[in-house]
């Protein structure tokens, strides 16, 4: 029983890690869009949508890495 639940935790960790990296990459792609460059030029900051993806991707990646490395 313990091995089965441990492998499930590892699978969830892997999904979180990959999803977090994909979300961060999506934010990176969005930051290069014309609307993002225009917003950054006018306000000096990245749009909220980009920042949400960066932050969500980082949190998800760290949580997934923690679950993968947990013994």
C-alpha atoms as a PDB file:
ATOM      1  CA  UNK A   1       0.000   0.000   0.000  1.00  0.00           C
ATOM      2  CA  UNK A   2       2.795   2.418   0.839  1.00  0.00           C
ATOM      3  CA  UNK A   3       4.542   1.881  -2.493  1.00  0.00           C
ATOM      4  CA  UNK A   4       1.352   2.586  -4.418  1.00  0.00           C
ATOM      5  CA  UNK A   5       0.679   5.858  -2.604  1.00  0.00           C
ATOM      6  CA  UNK A   6       4.346   6.861  -2.934  1.00  0.00           C
ATOM      7  CA  UNK A   7       4.226   6.355  -6.698  1.00  0.00           C
ATOM      8  CA  UNK A   8       1.006   8.391  -6.855  1.00  0.00           C
ATOM      9  CA  UNK A   9       2.715  11.267  -4.993  1.00  0.00           C
ATOM     10  CA  UNK A  10       5.649  11.072  -7.434  1.00  0.00           C
ATOM     11  CA  UNK A  11       3.236  11.168 -10.384  1.00  0.00           C
ATOM     12  CA  UNK A  12       1.461  14.226  -8.982  1.00  0.00           C
ATOM     13  CA  UNK A  13       4.845  15.864  -8.406  1.00  0.00           C
ATOM     14  CA  UNK A  14       5.865  15.195 -11.983  1.00  0.00           C
ATOM     15  CA  UNK A  15       2.602  16.625 -13.328  1.00  0.00           C
ATOM     16  CA  UNK A  16       2.998  19.743 -11.162  1.00  0.00           C
ATOM     17  CA  UNK A  17       6.606  20.204 -12.254  1.00  0.00           C
ATOM     18  CA  UNK A  18       5.850  19.867 -15.964  1.00  0.00           C
ATOM     19  CA  UNK A  19       2.706  21.996 -15.684  1.00  0.00           C
ATOM     20  CA  UNK A  20       4.582  24.693 -13.795  1.00  0.00           C
ATOM     21  CA  UNK A  21       7.365  24.817 -16.348  1.00  0.00           C
ATOM     22  CA  UNK A  22       4.808  24.981 -19.159  1.00  0.00           C
ATOM     23  CA  UNK A  23       2.960  27.803 -17.413  1.00  0.00           C
ATOM     24  CA  UNK A  24       6.179  29.776 -16.919  1.00  0.00           C
ATOM     25  CA  UNK A  25       7.074  29.256 -20.584  1.00  0.00           C
ATOM     26  CA  UNK A  26       3.587  30.409 -21.571  1.00  0.00           C
ATOM     27  CA  UNK A  27       4.144  33.590 -19.545  1.00  0.00           C
ATOM     28  CA  UNK A  28       7.496  34.080 -21.257  1.00  0.00           C
ATOM     29  CA  UNK A  29       5.823  33.736 -24.655  1.00  0.00           C
ATOM     30  CA  UNK A  30       3.132  36.218 -23.624  1.00  0.00           C
ATOM     31  CA  UNK A  31       5.744  38.749 -22.502  1.00  0.00           C
ATOM     32  CA  UNK A  32       7.012  38.988 -26.075  1.00  0.00           C
ATOM     33  CA  UNK A  33       3.595  39.825 -27.512  1.00  0.00           C
ATOM     34  CA  UNK A  34       2.886  43.284 -28.879  1.00  0.00           C
ATOM     35  CA  UNK A  35       0.295  44.087 -26.204  1.00  0.00           C
ATOM     36  CA  UNK A  36       2.741  43.155 -23.453  1.00  0.00           C
ATOM     37  CA  UNK A  37       5.474  45.287 -24.943  1.00  0.00           C
ATOM     38  CA  UNK A  38       3.050  48.189 -25.264  1.00  0.00           C
ATOM     39  CA  UNK A  39       1.937  47.825 -21.640  1.00  0.00           C
ATOM     40  CA  UNK A  40       5.530  47.575 -20.457  1.00  0.00           C
ATOM     41  CA  UNK A  41       6.438  50.656 -22.457  1.00  0.00           C
ATOM     42  CA  UNK A  42       3.589  52.703 -21.011  1.00  0.00           C
ATOM     43  CA  UNK A  43       3.639  51.516 -17.395  1.00  0.00           C
ATOM     44  CA  UNK A  44       7.136  50.112 -16.997  1.00  0.00           C
ATOM     45  CA  UNK A  45       5.782  46.806 -15.678  1.00  0.00           C
ATOM     46  CA  UNK A  46       4.735  43.527 -17.222  1.00  0.00           C
ATOM     47  CA  UNK A  47       0.993  42.911 -17.579  1.00  0.00           C
ATOM     48  CA  UNK A  48      -0.763  41.092 -14.746  1.00  0.00           C
ATOM     49  CA  UNK A  49      -1.530  38.072 -16.938  1.00  0.00           C
ATOM     50  CA  UNK A  50       2.176  37.489 -17.537  1.00  0.00           C
ATOM     51  CA  UNK A  51       3.042  37.884 -13.865  1.00  0.00           C
ATOM     52  CA  UNK A  52       0.257  35.469 -12.842  1.00  0.00           C
ATOM     53  CA  UNK A  53       1.715  32.819 -15.126  1.00  0.00           C
ATOM     54  CA  UNK A  54       5.260  33.409 -13.869  1.00  0.00           C
ATOM     55  CA  UNK A  55       4.184  33.202 -10.233  1.00  0.00           C
ATOM     56  CA  UNK A  56       1.846  30.237 -10.769  1.00  0.00           C
ATOM     57  CA  UNK A  57       4.493  28.408 -12.756  1.00  0.00           C
ATOM     58  CA  UNK A  58       7.119  28.979 -10.091  1.00  0.00           C
ATOM     59  CA  UNK A  59       4.862  27.817  -7.254  1.00  0.00           C
ATOM     60  CA  UNK A  60       3.716  24.754  -9.167  1.00  0.00           C
ATOM     61  CA  UNK A  61       7.270  23.852 -10.181  1.00  0.00           C
ATOM     62  CA  UNK A  62       8.597  24.151  -6.635  1.00  0.00           C
ATOM     63  CA  UNK A  63       5.720  22.078  -5.239  1.00  0.00           C
ATOM     64  CA  UNK A  64       6.254  19.421  -7.903  1.00  0.00           C
ATOM     65  CA  UNK A  65      10.000  19.315  -7.274  1.00  0.00           C
ATOM     66  CA  UNK A  66       9.362  18.989  -3.548  1.00  0.00           C
ATOM     67  CA  UNK A  67       7.014  16.042  -4.098  1.00  0.00           C
ATOM     68  CA  UNK A  68       9.455  14.358  -6.467  1.00  0.00           C
ATOM     69  CA  UNK A  69      12.403  14.684  -4.086  1.00  0.00           C
ATOM     70  CA  UNK A  70      10.450  13.825  -0.925  1.00  0.00           C
ATOM     71  CA  UNK A  71      11.390  10.449   0.505  1.00  0.00           C
END
